[in-house]
Protein backbone atom coordinates (compact mmCIF):
# COMPACT_ATOMS: atom_id res chain seq x y z
CA MET A 1 -55.94 33.71 -39.89
CA LYS A 2 -55.82 30.00 -40.97
CA TYR A 3 -56.33 29.14 -44.44
CA LEU A 4 -57.65 25.73 -45.85
CA MET A 5 -55.66 24.11 -48.61
CA ASN A 6 -57.26 23.47 -51.89
CA VAL A 7 -56.59 21.46 -54.90
CA ARG A 8 -54.83 24.37 -56.68
CA ASP A 9 -52.41 24.92 -54.07
CA LEU A 10 -51.48 21.11 -53.74
CA ARG A 11 -51.13 21.16 -57.78
CA TYR A 12 -48.75 24.13 -57.15
CA PHE A 13 -46.92 22.28 -54.57
CA PHE A 14 -46.40 19.01 -56.59
CA ALA A 15 -45.48 21.01 -59.77
CA VAL A 16 -42.35 22.27 -57.73
CA ALA A 17 -41.59 18.98 -56.16
CA GLU A 18 -41.64 17.44 -59.61
CA LEU A 19 -39.75 19.87 -61.65
CA GLU A 20 -37.61 21.33 -58.87
CA TYR A 21 -37.59 24.75 -60.24
CA PHE A 22 -40.09 27.45 -59.50
CA SER A 23 -39.75 29.08 -62.90
CA GLN A 24 -40.72 25.69 -64.80
CA ALA A 25 -43.44 25.07 -62.30
CA THR A 26 -45.04 28.52 -62.88
CA LYS A 27 -44.86 27.80 -66.69
CA GLN A 28 -46.43 24.46 -66.33
CA CYS A 29 -49.20 25.64 -63.99
CA HIS A 30 -49.88 28.82 -66.34
CA VAL A 31 -49.39 31.13 -63.25
CA SER A 32 -47.66 34.43 -62.98
CA GLN A 33 -44.74 34.62 -60.44
CA PRO A 34 -46.39 37.08 -57.99
CA LYS A 35 -49.49 35.04 -58.00
CA TRP A 36 -47.49 31.93 -57.41
CA SER A 37 -45.43 33.33 -54.69
CA GLY A 38 -48.81 34.19 -52.78
CA GLN A 39 -50.00 30.58 -53.25
CA ILE A 40 -46.72 29.12 -51.84
CA LYS A 41 -46.78 31.59 -48.75
CA LYS A 42 -50.35 30.52 -48.05
CA LEU A 43 -49.10 26.91 -48.10
CA GLU A 44 -46.26 27.66 -45.65
CA GLU A 45 -48.61 29.49 -43.26
C-alpha cells in the first residue's frame, strides 16, 4: 500500500534533519515516540 506524504510528515522529517536527534524532534513537534515512529516508517515506505 502506498501512502501520500503530507505536510505533517515533512514537518517531522525536517525537525529531525534540523535538530539531528529524534528525542528533541518529538518534543519540538509535540508528538509521542510511538506516533513519531509510525510517521517516520510511513515516510520510509
